[in-house]
């Protein structure tokens, strides 16, 4: 009888730990460059703090690709970002990070600063995809809201 109670307790604790882990899991965002386009598989909202990013380059195996993690000034939208013709950032864009990668998959863990929502007035994040040699913007994706 005591063995059954011990087993039930262990199973119960394991379930609680599993639920806590699921509730606190770090979101993963995946950006894919393929066929000259840039797509995003992501939750619409991520918590302020940590997230994982997978950048998958499936285009021409000879061209490095990259991304920039950005915020936009209030009043600017994804349409403004898509319409911007250059890889040079406009004055209404803040680059938080930029990475250039070789073809394949690049993964990184990010941790937004605790005051992100205050510092950036609750603005969402976006990603701009680009290629090198020759340098050109491929596209932009977002918005991803950052909860407070």
Protein backbone atom coordinates (compact mmCIF):
# COMPACT_ATOMS: atom_id res chain seq x y z
CA UNK A 1 0.00 0.00 0.00
CA UNK A 2 2.81 2.43 0.84
CA UNK A 3 4.46 1.70 -2.50
CA UNK A 4 1.26 2.73 -4.30
CA UNK A 5 1.09 5.98 -2.33
CA UNK A 6 4.77 6.71 -3.07
CA UNK A 7 4.28 5.97 -6.76
CA UNK A 8 1.19 8.22 -6.87
CA UNK A 9 3.11 11.02 -5.17
CA UNK A 10 6.03 10.71 -7.61
CA UNK A 11 3.69 10.68 -10.63
CA UNK A 12 1.81 13.69 -9.24
CA UNK A 13 5.04 15.65 -8.70
CA UNK A 14 6.24 14.76 -12.20
CA UNK A 15 2.97 16.06 -13.69
CA UNK A 16 3.23 19.31 -11.72
CA UNK A 17 6.83 19.81 -12.91
CA UNK A 18 5.80 19.06 -16.49
CA UNK A 19 3.00 21.62 -16.32
CA UNK A 20 5.29 24.25 -14.79
CA UNK A 21 7.85 23.65 -17.52
CA UNK A 22 5.19 23.99 -20.23
CA UNK A 23 3.92 27.24 -18.70
CA UNK A 24 7.40 28.73 -18.54
CA UNK A 25 8.70 27.50 -21.90
CA UNK A 26 10.68 29.95 -23.99
CA UNK A 27 8.96 30.83 -27.28
CA UNK A 28 10.73 29.98 -30.54
CA UNK A 29 10.55 32.20 -33.61
CA UNK A 30 11.59 30.76 -36.98
CA UNK A 31 12.46 32.97 -39.95
CA UNK A 32 12.88 31.19 -43.28
CA UNK A 33 14.45 32.65 -46.41
CA UNK A 34 13.38 30.62 -49.45
CA UNK A 35 12.62 31.48 -53.05
CA UNK A 36 13.59 35.10 -52.55
CA UNK A 37 11.06 35.59 -49.74
CA UNK A 38 11.22 35.91 -45.99
CA UNK A 39 8.58 34.21 -43.82
CA UNK A 40 8.00 34.05 -40.07
CA UNK A 41 6.59 31.25 -37.94
CA UNK A 42 6.01 32.81 -34.55
CA UNK A 43 3.51 33.47 -31.84
CA UNK A 44 1.78 36.85 -32.29
CA UNK A 45 2.92 37.86 -28.80
CA UNK A 46 6.00 36.88 -26.83
CA UNK A 47 6.73 37.62 -23.19
CA UNK A 48 9.23 40.33 -22.39
CA UNK A 49 12.45 38.43 -21.79
CA UNK A 50 13.90 35.39 -23.45
CA UNK A 51 13.06 33.88 -26.83
CA UNK A 52 14.82 31.53 -29.23
CA UNK A 53 15.37 32.41 -32.87
CA UNK A 54 15.98 29.98 -35.73
CA UNK A 55 17.03 31.62 -38.98
CA UNK A 56 16.80 29.13 -41.86
CA UNK A 57 18.40 30.03 -45.17
CA UNK A 58 17.13 27.70 -47.91
CA UNK A 59 17.95 29.98 -50.84
CA UNK A 60 20.95 29.88 -53.17
CA UNK A 61 23.64 27.94 -51.34
CA UNK A 62 26.32 30.44 -52.37
CA UNK A 63 24.84 33.61 -50.87
CA UNK A 64 25.10 34.51 -47.21
CA UNK A 65 21.87 35.82 -45.75
CA UNK A 66 21.09 37.71 -42.61
CA UNK A 67 18.51 39.43 -40.51
CA UNK A 68 18.10 42.50 -38.40
CA UNK A 69 15.93 42.55 -35.28
CA UNK A 70 14.32 46.00 -35.22
CA UNK A 71 11.70 48.27 -33.71
CA UNK A 72 9.90 51.06 -35.54
CA UNK A 73 8.97 54.50 -34.32
CA UNK A 74 5.34 55.02 -33.32
CA UNK A 75 3.10 55.39 -36.36
CA UNK A 76 5.30 53.24 -38.62
CA UNK A 77 4.11 49.80 -39.74
CA UNK A 78 5.28 46.68 -41.51
CA UNK A 79 4.11 48.26 -44.78
CA UNK A 80 6.55 51.16 -44.25
CA UNK A 81 9.34 48.69 -43.57
CA UNK A 82 8.53 46.57 -46.63
CA UNK A 83 8.36 49.69 -48.83
CA UNK A 84 11.78 50.97 -47.69
CA UNK A 85 13.96 50.18 -50.72
CA UNK A 86 17.38 50.11 -49.07
CA UNK A 87 19.38 47.95 -46.67
CA UNK A 88 20.46 51.20 -44.97
CA UNK A 89 18.21 51.74 -41.95
CA UNK A 90 15.82 54.71 -42.11
CA UNK A 91 15.83 57.19 -39.23
CA UNK A 92 12.53 55.77 -37.91
CA UNK A 93 14.02 52.29 -37.37
CA UNK A 94 16.10 51.10 -34.40
CA UNK A 95 18.34 48.07 -34.99
CA UNK A 96 18.51 45.91 -31.86
CA UNK A 97 20.69 43.22 -33.43
CA UNK A 98 21.87 42.10 -36.85
CA UNK A 99 23.46 38.83 -37.92
CA UNK A 100 24.85 37.57 -41.21
CA UNK A 101 24.80 33.80 -41.66
CA UNK A 102 25.95 31.17 -44.09
CA UNK A 103 23.32 28.98 -45.78
CA UNK A 104 21.67 26.52 -43.40
CA UNK A 105 20.20 27.09 -39.96
CA UNK A 106 21.41 29.65 -37.44
CA UNK A 107 20.02 29.56 -33.91
CA UNK A 108 20.41 32.04 -31.08
CA UNK A 109 18.83 32.66 -27.69
CA UNK A 110 17.79 36.27 -27.11
CA UNK A 111 16.96 38.03 -23.90
CA UNK A 112 15.15 41.35 -24.27
CA UNK A 113 16.01 43.85 -21.53
CA UNK A 114 13.55 44.01 -18.63
CA UNK A 115 12.67 47.61 -19.52
CA UNK A 116 12.12 46.80 -23.22
CA UNK A 117 8.43 47.78 -23.22
CA UNK A 118 9.16 51.05 -21.43
CA UNK A 119 12.23 51.90 -23.50
CA UNK A 120 10.46 51.22 -26.81
CA UNK A 121 7.00 52.52 -25.78
CA UNK A 122 5.37 49.11 -26.15
CA UNK A 123 6.25 48.93 -29.84
CA UNK A 124 6.45 45.43 -31.37
CA UNK A 125 9.55 43.87 -32.88
CA UNK A 126 10.13 43.11 -36.56
CA UNK A 127 12.75 41.28 -38.58
CA UNK A 128 14.31 42.47 -41.83
CA UNK A 129 15.85 39.76 -44.03
CA UNK A 130 18.70 40.50 -46.42
CA UNK A 131 21.28 38.83 -48.62
CA UNK A 132 24.93 39.66 -49.19
CA UNK A 133 26.87 39.64 -52.46
CA UNK A 134 25.13 41.67 -53.79
CA UNK A 135 23.62 43.32 -50.73
CA UNK A 136 19.84 43.53 -51.00
CA UNK A 137 16.82 43.50 -48.73
CA UNK A 138 14.72 40.37 -49.22
CA UNK A 139 11.76 41.32 -47.06
CA UNK A 140 10.46 42.11 -43.61
CA UNK A 141 8.21 40.24 -41.18
CA UNK A 142 6.29 41.07 -38.04
CA UNK A 143 4.92 42.59 -35.96
CA UNK A 144 5.51 40.49 -32.86
CA UNK A 145 4.04 42.10 -29.77
CA UNK A 146 6.15 42.01 -26.61
CA UNK A 147 4.03 41.67 -23.48
CA UNK A 148 4.89 43.78 -20.45
